[in-house]
N, C-alpha and C. Protein backbone atom coordinates (compact mmCIF):
# COMPACT_ATOMS: atom_id res chain seq x y z
N MET A 1 49.33 -111.79 139.13
CA MET A 1 50.71 -112.15 138.83
C MET A 1 51.29 -111.58 139.22
N ALA A 2 52.24 -112.18 140.22
CA ALA A 2 53.53 -111.26 140.60
C ALA A 2 54.53 -111.79 139.47
N ALA A 3 55.36 -110.24 139.23
CA ALA A 3 56.15 -110.21 138.41
C ALA A 3 57.79 -110.77 138.62
N LYS A 4 58.40 -111.81 137.81
CA LYS A 4 59.86 -112.55 138.24
C LYS A 4 60.53 -111.67 138.83
N LYS A 5 61.89 -112.36 139.98
CA LYS A 5 62.92 -111.38 140.00
C LYS A 5 63.50 -111.93 139.50
N PRO A 6 64.15 -109.85 138.84
CA PRO A 6 65.49 -110.54 138.18
C PRO A 6 66.26 -110.94 138.91
N ILE A 7 67.23 -111.01 138.01
CA ILE A 7 68.84 -112.53 138.13
C ILE A 7 69.76 -111.60 138.55
N ASP A 8 70.71 -111.65 139.61
CA ASP A 8 71.69 -111.22 140.32
C ASP A 8 72.38 -111.70 139.92
N PHE A 9 73.00 -110.89 138.70
CA PHE A 9 74.55 -111.32 137.74
C PHE A 9 75.84 -111.04 138.82
N SER A 10 75.68 -111.10 140.07
CA SER A 10 77.33 -111.17 140.89
C SER A 10 77.60 -111.94 140.64
N ARG A 11 76.53 -113.12 141.29
CA ARG A 11 76.08 -114.54 141.54
C ARG A 11 76.37 -115.05 141.12
N LEU A 12 76.86 -116.52 140.78
CA LEU A 12 76.87 -117.44 140.25
C LEU A 12 75.50 -117.89 139.79
N LEU A 13 75.15 -118.38 138.46
CA LEU A 13 74.04 -118.95 138.18
C LEU A 13 73.44 -120.17 137.94
N THR A 14 72.80 -120.76 137.90
CA THR A 14 72.22 -121.99 137.80
C THR A 14 71.62 -121.97 136.09
N VAL A 15 72.57 -123.33 135.44
CA VAL A 15 72.46 -123.70 134.17
C VAL A 15 70.52 -123.41 133.59
N GLY A 16 69.55 -123.86 134.73
CA GLY A 16 68.61 -123.11 134.08
C GLY A 16 68.51 -121.64 134.01
N GLU A 17 69.12 -120.52 135.04
CA GLU A 17 68.75 -119.09 135.03
C GLU A 17 70.27 -118.86 133.53
N VAL A 18 70.77 -119.98 133.39
CA VAL A 18 71.86 -119.08 131.68
C VAL A 18 71.10 -119.49 131.09
N ALA A 19 70.06 -121.09 130.84
CA ALA A 19 69.32 -121.05 129.58
C ALA A 19 68.24 -120.49 129.76
N HIS A 20 67.37 -119.37 130.28
CA HIS A 20 65.91 -118.64 130.50
C HIS A 20 66.80 -117.81 129.76
N ARG A 21 68.13 -116.67 129.99
CA ARG A 21 68.72 -115.44 129.94
C ARG A 21 69.31 -115.36 128.66
N SER A 22 69.67 -116.34 128.43
CA SER A 22 70.42 -116.95 127.17
C SER A 22 69.65 -117.32 125.87
N GLY A 23 69.05 -118.22 126.08
CA GLY A 23 67.20 -118.68 124.98
C GLY A 23 67.53 -119.98 124.63
N VAL A 24 68.60 -120.19 125.35
CA VAL A 24 68.55 -122.12 124.38
C VAL A 24 68.42 -122.97 125.64
N ALA A 25 68.36 -124.45 125.46
CA ALA A 25 67.11 -125.67 126.09
C ALA A 25 69.31 -125.88 127.12
N ILE A 26 68.57 -126.26 128.36
CA ILE A 26 69.88 -126.48 129.30
C ILE A 26 70.22 -127.81 128.68
N SER A 27 69.94 -128.61 127.99
CA SER A 27 70.99 -129.67 127.23
C SER A 27 71.98 -128.44 126.15
N THR A 28 71.79 -127.58 125.82
CA THR A 28 72.30 -126.88 125.13
C THR A 28 73.21 -126.83 125.72
N ILE A 29 73.13 -126.26 127.40
CA ILE A 29 73.92 -125.86 128.12
C ILE A 29 74.86 -126.79 128.17
N HIS A 30 74.49 -128.00 129.05
CA HIS A 30 75.45 -129.15 128.88
C HIS A 30 76.40 -128.95 127.92
N PHE A 31 75.83 -129.14 126.38
CA PHE A 31 76.69 -129.61 125.04
C PHE A 31 77.34 -128.56 125.13
N TYR A 32 77.44 -127.48 124.93
CA TYR A 32 78.69 -126.60 125.13
C TYR A 32 79.78 -126.91 125.77
N GLU A 33 79.43 -127.13 127.11
CA GLU A 33 80.25 -127.35 128.72
C GLU A 33 80.68 -129.06 127.68
N ALA A 34 80.45 -130.17 127.86
CA ALA A 34 81.27 -131.15 127.47
C ALA A 34 82.20 -130.68 126.51
N LYS A 35 81.87 -129.61 125.28
CA LYS A 35 82.51 -129.40 124.15
C LYS A 35 83.48 -128.86 124.74
N GLY A 36 83.88 -127.55 125.39
CA GLY A 36 84.68 -127.28 126.06
C GLY A 36 84.72 -125.95 125.90
N LEU A 37 83.56 -125.28 125.43
CA LEU A 37 83.01 -124.16 124.78
C LEU A 37 82.76 -122.97 125.38
N ILE A 38 82.50 -123.35 126.97
CA ILE A 38 82.22 -122.62 128.19
C ILE A 38 82.53 -123.33 129.36
N ALA A 39 82.23 -122.90 130.74
CA ALA A 39 83.07 -123.72 131.83
C ALA A 39 82.32 -123.03 132.99
N GLY A 40 81.87 -124.41 133.30
CA GLY A 40 81.31 -123.78 134.78
C GLY A 40 81.66 -124.50 136.23
N THR A 41 81.59 -124.30 137.08
CA THR A 41 82.22 -124.98 138.34
C THR A 41 80.53 -126.06 138.91
N ARG A 42 80.83 -126.74 140.10
CA ARG A 42 80.15 -128.05 140.75
C ARG A 42 79.99 -127.40 142.42
N ASN A 43 78.84 -126.78 142.85
CA ASN A 43 78.68 -126.41 144.37
C ASN A 43 78.66 -127.22 145.20
N ALA A 44 78.79 -126.95 146.78
CA ALA A 44 78.68 -128.19 147.12
C ALA A 44 78.11 -129.22 146.59
N GLY A 45 76.13 -128.92 146.74
CA GLY A 45 75.60 -130.17 146.24
C GLY A 45 75.69 -130.85 144.82
N ASN A 46 77.12 -130.28 144.16
CA ASN A 46 77.18 -131.20 143.01
C ASN A 46 76.22 -130.32 141.79
N GLN A 47 75.51 -129.28 142.24
CA GLN A 47 75.21 -128.27 140.94
C GLN A 47 75.79 -128.08 140.36
N ARG A 48 75.73 -127.54 139.18
CA ARG A 48 76.52 -126.67 138.01
C ARG A 48 76.74 -125.44 138.32
N ARG A 49 77.12 -124.45 137.89
CA ARG A 49 77.12 -123.22 138.46
C ARG A 49 77.97 -121.69 136.99
N PHE A 50 77.61 -121.06 136.42
CA PHE A 50 78.38 -120.31 135.49
C PHE A 50 78.31 -119.00 136.46
N PRO A 51 79.25 -118.11 136.26
CA PRO A 51 79.56 -116.56 136.12
C PRO A 51 78.79 -116.36 134.94
N SER A 52 78.21 -115.18 135.28
CA SER A 52 76.83 -114.24 134.77
C SER A 52 78.21 -114.48 132.29
N THR A 53 79.22 -114.15 132.73
CA THR A 53 80.20 -114.34 131.73
C THR A 53 79.73 -115.04 130.71
N VAL A 54 79.46 -116.71 131.28
CA VAL A 54 79.01 -116.84 130.18
C VAL A 54 77.62 -117.27 128.94
N LEU A 55 77.33 -115.83 129.72
CA LEU A 55 76.23 -115.50 128.97
C LEU A 55 76.89 -114.80 127.50
N ARG A 56 77.61 -114.23 127.58
CA ARG A 56 77.68 -113.40 126.57
C ARG A 56 78.76 -113.90 125.44
N TYR A 57 79.48 -115.76 126.20
CA TYR A 57 80.12 -116.25 125.57
C TYR A 57 78.72 -117.53 124.39
N VAL A 58 77.43 -117.40 125.23
CA VAL A 58 76.66 -118.80 124.90
C VAL A 58 76.43 -117.66 124.08
N ALA A 59 76.16 -116.07 123.80
CA ALA A 59 75.40 -115.24 122.42
C ALA A 59 76.53 -115.37 121.31
N ILE A 60 77.78 -115.56 121.33
CA ILE A 60 78.98 -115.43 120.42
C ILE A 60 78.58 -116.53 120.07
N ILE A 61 78.80 -117.59 120.78
CA ILE A 61 78.34 -119.00 119.65
C ILE A 61 77.28 -119.95 119.62
N LYS A 62 76.23 -118.95 119.89
CA LYS A 62 75.01 -119.34 118.76
C LYS A 62 74.76 -117.90 117.38
N VAL A 63 75.59 -117.01 117.69
CA VAL A 63 76.00 -115.81 116.26
C VAL A 63 77.11 -116.26 115.38
N ALA A 64 77.76 -116.82 116.14
CA ALA A 64 78.57 -117.67 115.56
C ALA A 64 77.97 -119.28 114.56
N GLN A 65 77.63 -119.72 115.14
CA GLN A 65 76.30 -120.81 114.57
C GLN A 65 75.55 -120.82 113.99
N ARG A 66 74.80 -119.59 113.35
CA ARG A 66 74.12 -118.99 112.73
C ARG A 66 74.32 -118.37 111.28
N THR A 67 76.13 -118.04 111.36
CA THR A 67 76.76 -117.83 110.18
C THR A 67 76.98 -119.17 109.62
N GLY A 68 77.00 -120.22 110.18
CA GLY A 68 77.63 -121.72 109.61
C GLY A 68 79.00 -121.62 110.25
N ILE A 69 79.80 -121.37 111.30
CA ILE A 69 81.05 -121.13 111.52
C ILE A 69 81.11 -122.64 112.28
N PRO A 70 82.05 -123.53 112.49
CA PRO A 70 81.97 -124.44 112.93
C PRO A 70 82.38 -124.46 114.39
N LEU A 71 81.47 -125.46 115.08
CA LEU A 71 82.16 -125.12 116.41
C LEU A 71 83.47 -125.50 117.27
N GLU A 72 84.44 -126.22 116.32
CA GLU A 72 85.36 -126.21 116.53
C GLU A 72 86.52 -125.29 116.33
N GLU A 73 85.54 -125.04 114.66
CA GLU A 73 86.08 -123.63 115.13
C GLU A 73 85.52 -122.15 116.17
N ILE A 74 84.61 -122.22 116.82
CA ILE A 74 84.07 -121.50 117.62
C ILE A 74 85.43 -121.57 118.56
N LYS A 75 85.73 -122.79 118.94
CA LYS A 75 86.10 -122.95 120.19
C LYS A 75 87.48 -122.68 120.13
N GLU A 76 88.12 -123.06 118.91
CA GLU A 76 89.17 -122.75 119.06
C GLU A 76 89.43 -121.35 118.86
N ALA A 77 88.78 -120.58 118.48
CA ALA A 77 88.75 -118.36 118.43
C ALA A 77 88.79 -118.51 120.23
N LEU A 78 88.30 -119.26 120.49
CA LEU A 78 87.30 -118.17 121.96
C LEU A 78 88.78 -119.13 123.38
N SER A 79 89.11 -119.92 122.59
CA SER A 79 90.60 -120.25 123.68
C SER A 79 91.24 -119.46 123.77
N ARG A 80 91.45 -118.93 122.31
CA ARG A 80 92.73 -117.54 123.06
C ARG A 80 92.50 -117.10 124.27
N TYR A 81 91.47 -116.52 124.95
CA TYR A 81 90.92 -116.15 126.10
C TYR A 81 91.00 -116.68 127.35
N PRO A 82 91.31 -116.35 128.13
CA PRO A 82 91.35 -117.37 129.59
C PRO A 82 89.66 -117.58 129.76
N ALA A 83 89.31 -118.16 130.44
CA ALA A 83 87.81 -118.46 129.85
C ALA A 83 87.79 -118.30 131.52
N GLY A 84 86.53 -118.30 130.93
CA GLY A 84 84.93 -117.49 131.55
C GLY A 84 85.81 -115.85 131.84
N SER A 85 86.59 -115.40 131.17
CA SER A 85 87.11 -113.47 131.07
C SER A 85 86.28 -112.95 130.38
N ARG A 86 86.05 -112.06 130.94
CA ARG A 86 84.63 -110.91 129.83
C ARG A 86 85.68 -110.45 129.05
N LEU A 87 85.12 -110.84 127.86
CA LEU A 87 85.92 -110.28 126.42
C LEU A 87 85.40 -108.97 126.48
N THR A 88 86.24 -107.62 126.38
CA THR A 88 86.04 -106.47 126.13
C THR A 88 85.73 -106.47 124.55
N ALA A 89 84.91 -105.51 124.08
CA ALA A 89 84.71 -104.42 122.63
C ALA A 89 85.67 -105.22 121.49
N ALA A 90 87.18 -104.36 121.92
CA ALA A 90 88.29 -105.19 121.60
C ALA A 90 88.17 -105.64 121.08
N GLN A 91 88.38 -107.49 121.73
CA GLN A 91 88.53 -108.78 121.75
C GLN A 91 87.21 -109.25 121.14
N TRP A 92 86.11 -108.36 121.14
CA TRP A 92 85.32 -109.50 119.84
C TRP A 92 85.26 -108.98 118.68
N ARG A 93 85.91 -107.59 118.53
CA ARG A 93 86.09 -107.16 117.35
C ARG A 93 87.01 -107.87 116.19
N ALA A 94 88.07 -107.89 117.55
CA ALA A 94 89.56 -108.77 117.06
C ALA A 94 89.27 -110.42 117.04
N LEU A 95 88.04 -111.03 117.38
CA LEU A 95 87.53 -112.63 117.50
C LEU A 95 86.63 -112.75 115.93
N SER A 96 85.48 -111.55 115.89
CA SER A 96 85.50 -111.34 115.11
C SER A 96 85.42 -111.39 113.28
N SER A 97 86.61 -110.64 113.30
CA SER A 97 87.17 -110.32 112.62
C SER A 97 88.39 -111.79 111.89
N ARG A 98 88.87 -112.46 112.73
CA ARG A 98 88.74 -113.49 112.05
C ARG A 98 88.42 -114.58 111.64
N TRP A 99 86.40 -114.69 112.26
CA TRP A 99 85.92 -115.33 111.19
C TRP A 99 85.71 -114.16 110.23
N ARG A 100 85.90 -113.18 109.34
CA ARG A 100 86.00 -112.25 108.22
C ARG A 100 85.38 -112.98 106.60
N LYS A 101 86.85 -113.50 106.46
CA LYS A 101 87.33 -114.48 105.36
C LYS A 101 86.72 -115.39 105.40
N SER A 102 86.88 -116.25 106.32
CA SER A 102 85.78 -117.62 105.74
C SER A 102 84.51 -117.28 105.74
N LEU A 103 83.91 -116.12 106.53
CA LEU A 103 82.30 -115.49 106.32
C LEU A 103 82.09 -115.16 104.76
N ASP A 104 83.12 -114.71 103.79
CA ASP A 104 83.30 -113.86 103.01
C ASP A 104 83.50 -115.21 101.57
N GLU A 105 83.98 -116.17 102.35
CA GLU A 105 84.24 -117.15 101.38
C GLU A 105 83.05 -117.94 101.30
N ARG A 106 82.79 -117.83 101.76
CA ARG A 106 81.19 -118.95 102.74
C ARG A 106 79.90 -118.10 101.66
N ILE A 107 80.13 -116.97 101.30
CA ILE A 107 78.73 -116.16 101.78
C ILE A 107 79.13 -116.16 99.82
N GLN A 108 80.29 -116.25 99.59
CA GLN A 108 80.88 -116.07 97.77
C GLN A 108 80.20 -117.66 97.23
N ARG A 109 80.14 -118.47 98.51
CA ARG A 109 80.15 -120.35 97.59
C ARG A 109 78.92 -120.06 97.73
N LEU A 110 77.68 -119.68 98.75
CA LEU A 110 76.33 -119.64 98.61
C LEU A 110 75.73 -119.16 97.47
N THR A 111 76.62 -118.01 97.27
CA THR A 111 75.90 -116.56 96.18
C THR A 111 75.59 -117.83 95.05
N ARG A 112 77.15 -118.34 94.75
CA ARG A 112 77.35 -119.08 93.56
C ARG A 112 76.43 -119.80 93.08
N LEU A 113 76.08 -121.04 94.49
CA LEU A 113 75.21 -122.01 94.82
C LEU A 113 73.32 -121.46 94.09
N ARG A 114 73.30 -120.10 95.03
CA ARG A 114 72.62 -119.81 94.49
C ARG A 114 71.43 -119.19 93.20
N ASP A 115 72.61 -118.93 92.54
CA ASP A 115 73.37 -118.24 90.81
C ASP A 115 73.08 -119.19 89.99
N GLU A 116 73.54 -120.24 89.98
CA GLU A 116 74.02 -121.37 89.25
C GLU A 116 73.38 -122.92 89.55
N LEU A 117 72.69 -123.38 90.79
CA LEU A 117 72.90 -124.60 90.54
C LEU A 117 71.43 -124.90 89.60
N ASP A 118 70.18 -123.80 88.93
CA ASP A 118 69.48 -124.12 88.07
C ASP A 118 70.21 -124.82 86.52
N GLY A 119 71.63 -124.24 86.48
CA GLY A 119 71.90 -124.30 84.96
C GLY A 119 73.26 -125.19 85.50
N CYS A 120 73.66 -125.69 84.63
CA CYS A 120 75.23 -126.78 84.54
C CYS A 120 75.89 -126.21 85.88
N ILE A 121 76.29 -127.53 86.56
CA ILE A 121 77.34 -127.34 87.56
C ILE A 121 78.19 -128.33 87.55
N GLY A 122 78.95 -128.91 86.37
CA GLY A 122 80.10 -129.37 86.26
C GLY A 122 79.64 -130.87 86.65
N CYS A 123 78.38 -131.41 87.48
CA CYS A 123 78.31 -132.58 87.94
C CYS A 123 78.78 -134.36 87.28
N GLY A 124 78.77 -134.08 85.29
CA GLY A 124 79.47 -134.96 85.06
C GLY A 124 77.74 -135.37 83.87
N CYS A 125 76.21 -134.89 84.43
CA CYS A 125 75.56 -135.67 84.32
C CYS A 125 74.89 -135.45 82.94
N LEU A 126 75.74 -134.46 82.09
CA LEU A 126 75.37 -133.58 80.71
C LEU A 126 74.02 -133.98 80.62
N SER A 127 72.67 -133.82 81.51
CA SER A 127 70.81 -134.03 80.94
C SER A 127 71.07 -132.50 80.06
N LEU A 128 71.74 -131.72 80.90
CA LEU A 128 70.91 -130.04 80.36
C LEU A 128 71.46 -129.25 78.96
N LYS A 129 71.03 -128.29 78.78
CA LYS A 129 70.87 -127.71 77.16
C LYS A 129 72.44 -127.15 77.32
N ASP A 130 72.82 -126.22 79.06
CA ASP A 130 73.74 -125.68 78.65
C ASP A 130 74.62 -126.66 78.86
N CYS A 131 74.99 -127.94 79.59
CA CYS A 131 76.19 -128.80 80.03
C CYS A 131 77.34 -128.51 78.37
N PRO A 132 76.90 -129.71 76.82
CA PRO A 132 78.05 -128.97 76.27
C PRO A 132 78.64 -128.01 76.26
N LEU A 133 78.31 -126.79 76.29
CA LEU A 133 78.48 -125.50 76.01
C LEU A 133 79.81 -125.55 77.96
N ARG A 134 79.46 -125.72 78.36
CA ARG A 134 79.99 -125.58 80.24
C ARG A 134 80.71 -126.49 80.59
N ASN A 135 80.34 -127.81 79.88
CA ASN A 135 81.13 -128.86 80.13
C ASN A 135 80.79 -129.92 79.49
N PRO A 136 81.70 -129.51 78.39
CA PRO A 136 81.58 -130.53 77.08
C PRO A 136 81.94 -131.52 77.51
N MET A 137 81.81 -133.26 76.36
CA MET A 137 81.97 -134.67 77.12
C MET A 137 82.58 -134.46 78.95
N ASP A 138 81.68 -134.40 79.61
CA ASP A 138 82.21 -134.23 80.91
C ASP A 138 83.97 -134.19 81.30
N ALA A 139 84.26 -133.06 80.27
CA ALA A 139 85.80 -132.26 80.99
C ALA A 139 86.24 -132.32 82.00
N LEU A 140 85.31 -131.23 82.89
CA LEU A 140 85.79 -130.76 84.07
C LEU A 140 85.74 -132.64 84.51
N GLY A 141 85.31 -133.20 84.78
CA GLY A 141 85.81 -135.21 85.31
C GLY A 141 86.74 -134.92 85.70
N ALA A 142 88.22 -134.60 84.85
CA ALA A 142 89.38 -134.68 84.99
C ALA A 142 89.68 -133.64 85.99
N GLN A 143 89.47 -132.63 86.70
CA GLN A 143 89.65 -132.35 87.24
C GLN A 143 89.31 -132.52 89.42
N GLY A 144 88.62 -133.94 88.96
CA GLY A 144 88.19 -134.47 90.18
C GLY A 144 86.23 -134.79 90.54
N PRO A 145 86.04 -135.22 91.75
CA PRO A 145 84.81 -135.52 91.79
C PRO A 145 83.97 -134.02 92.30
N GLY A 146 82.67 -135.01 92.54
CA GLY A 146 81.60 -133.78 92.45
C GLY A 146 81.14 -132.14 90.83
N PRO A 147 80.36 -131.72 91.64
CA PRO A 147 80.27 -130.05 91.02
C PRO A 147 81.39 -129.54 90.80
N ARG A 148 82.51 -129.48 90.03
CA ARG A 148 83.56 -128.39 89.37
C ARG A 148 82.63 -127.40 89.58
N ILE A 149 82.02 -127.04 88.36
CA ILE A 149 81.94 -125.31 88.62
C ILE A 149 81.49 -125.34 89.70
N LEU A 150 80.56 -125.17 90.73
CA LEU A 150 80.31 -124.69 92.15
C LEU A 150 81.32 -124.83 92.58
N GLU A 151 82.83 -125.51 92.87
CA GLU A 151 83.33 -125.73 93.64
C GLU A 151 84.44 -125.00 93.99
N ARG A 152 84.62 -124.88 92.14
CA ARG A 152 85.98 -123.74 91.86
C ARG A 152 86.14 -122.77 92.53
N PRO A 153 87.05 -122.07 92.42
CA PRO A 153 87.69 -121.04 93.56
C PRO A 153 87.56 -119.82 92.85
N GLY A 154 88.02 -118.91 92.83
CA GLY A 154 87.58 -117.04 92.38
C GLY A 154 86.03 -116.63 92.53
N LYS A 155 86.11 -115.53 91.26
CA LYS A 155 85.59 -115.23 90.82
C LYS A 155 83.88 -115.99 90.53
N MET A 156 82.76 -115.28 91.02
CA MET A 156 81.26 -115.79 90.35
C MET A 156 81.17 -115.52 89.33
N LEU A 157 80.99 -116.36 88.81
CA LEU A 157 80.20 -116.83 87.49
C LEU A 157 79.60 -115.49 86.35
N ASP A 158 80.17 -115.13 85.74
CA ASP A 158 79.36 -114.47 84.38
C ASP A 158 78.53 -114.42 84.26
N ARG A 159 76.90 -114.75 84.41
CA ARG A 159 75.78 -115.83 83.71
C ARG A 159 75.06 -115.62 82.77
N ASP A 160 75.49 -114.12 82.02
CA ASP A 160 75.25 -113.65 80.55
C ASP A 160 76.16 -114.43 80.18
N ALA A 161 77.95 -114.74 80.27
CA ALA A 161 78.97 -115.10 79.34
C ALA A 161 78.69 -116.32 79.29
N VAL A 162 78.14 -117.27 80.50
CA VAL A 162 77.47 -118.77 79.66
C VAL A 162 76.09 -119.33 79.06
N ARG A 163 74.96 -117.78 78.72
CA ARG A 163 74.10 -118.16 78.42
C ARG A 163 74.48 -117.42 76.42
N HIS A 164 75.37 -116.29 76.56
CA HIS A 164 75.88 -116.09 75.09
C HIS A 164 77.00 -116.14 75.37
N PRO A 165 77.75 -117.10 75.38
CA PRO A 165 79.54 -117.21 74.87
C PRO A 165 80.06 -116.04 73.74
N ARG A 166 79.73 -116.34 72.73
CA ARG A 166 79.79 -115.29 71.92
C ARG A 166 79.42 -113.66 71.69
N ALA A 167 78.66 -113.36 72.52
CA ALA A 167 78.48 -111.97 72.38
C ALA A 167 78.97 -111.69 74.11
N SER A 168 79.53 -112.36 74.91
CA SER A 168 80.70 -111.66 75.87
C SER A 168 82.18 -111.92 75.62
N GLN A 169 82.33 -112.90 74.57
CA GLN A 169 83.74 -112.36 74.20
C GLN A 169 84.33 -111.72 73.24
N ASP A 170 83.14 -110.63 72.76
CA ASP A 170 83.45 -109.16 72.43
C ASP A 170 83.96 -107.92 72.60
N GLN A 171 83.29 -108.42 74.16
CA GLN A 171 83.34 -107.24 75.30
C GLN A 171 84.24 -107.63 75.92
N PRO A 172 85.09 -106.52 76.10
CA PRO A 172 85.85 -106.37 76.75
C PRO A 172 86.12 -106.87 78.19
N GLU A 173 87.14 -106.83 78.85
CA GLU A 173 86.98 -107.17 80.23
C GLU A 173 87.29 -105.95 81.01
N PRO A 174 86.18 -105.28 82.19
CA PRO A 174 86.23 -104.49 82.86
C PRO A 174 87.32 -104.29 83.75
N ALA A 175 88.35 -102.77 83.65
CA ALA A 175 89.18 -102.84 84.21
C ALA A 175 89.42 -103.17 85.85
N ALA A 176 90.19 -103.24 86.64
CA ALA A 176 89.70 -103.53 87.97
C ALA A 176 89.38 -102.37 88.28
N PRO A 177 89.19 -101.93 89.53
CA PRO A 177 88.76 -100.78 90.73
C PRO A 177 90.11 -100.08 90.80
N GLY A 178 90.35 -98.69 90.58
CA GLY A 178 91.59 -97.87 89.99
C GLY A 178 92.41 -97.85 89.11
N MET A 179 92.62 -98.64 88.19
CA MET A 179 92.98 -98.95 87.13
C MET A 179 92.16 -98.38 85.84
N PRO A 180 93.71 -97.94 84.91
CA PRO A 180 92.58 -97.16 83.76
C PRO A 180 92.77 -98.52 83.37
N GLY A 181 91.19 -97.90 82.65
CA GLY A 181 90.52 -98.65 81.71
C GLY A 181 91.20 -98.72 80.17
């Protein structure tokens, strides 16, 4: 069995080479191009060709998608740089730091969902034992539709306080880090 010839990255790559090297389907490469996330050119035979830098863009897109960043947000972030440019390590840090706040908020929402989904979520069904404590008479319904407890902004819910509200009221609120308690 003959070894595959390595790709010459100094020339333009075919869509098949990009797909093979990046680990995505050819249709995905076409989709990214149609959405304006990557750019290719056409040769004299009307075949798509891509610079090797497109491999980094596809990798960035895949990583961002895995973390839940919408394609439109990815496109907006990549549009800050000239199409097809080689992103430096500093540019990549700047790009990824823009997503940090959004990722932190998403992590907080997912953690809240994981930790609170088995109890009252403020949806108004009032079918669980802790609903009367957390959402008496569906009071949260006045705030709007949906699971109000899961959709609230701010810090995570203290599950012990919900399960044992009287016990938690007797304990003082912990001081913020660096502040005297």
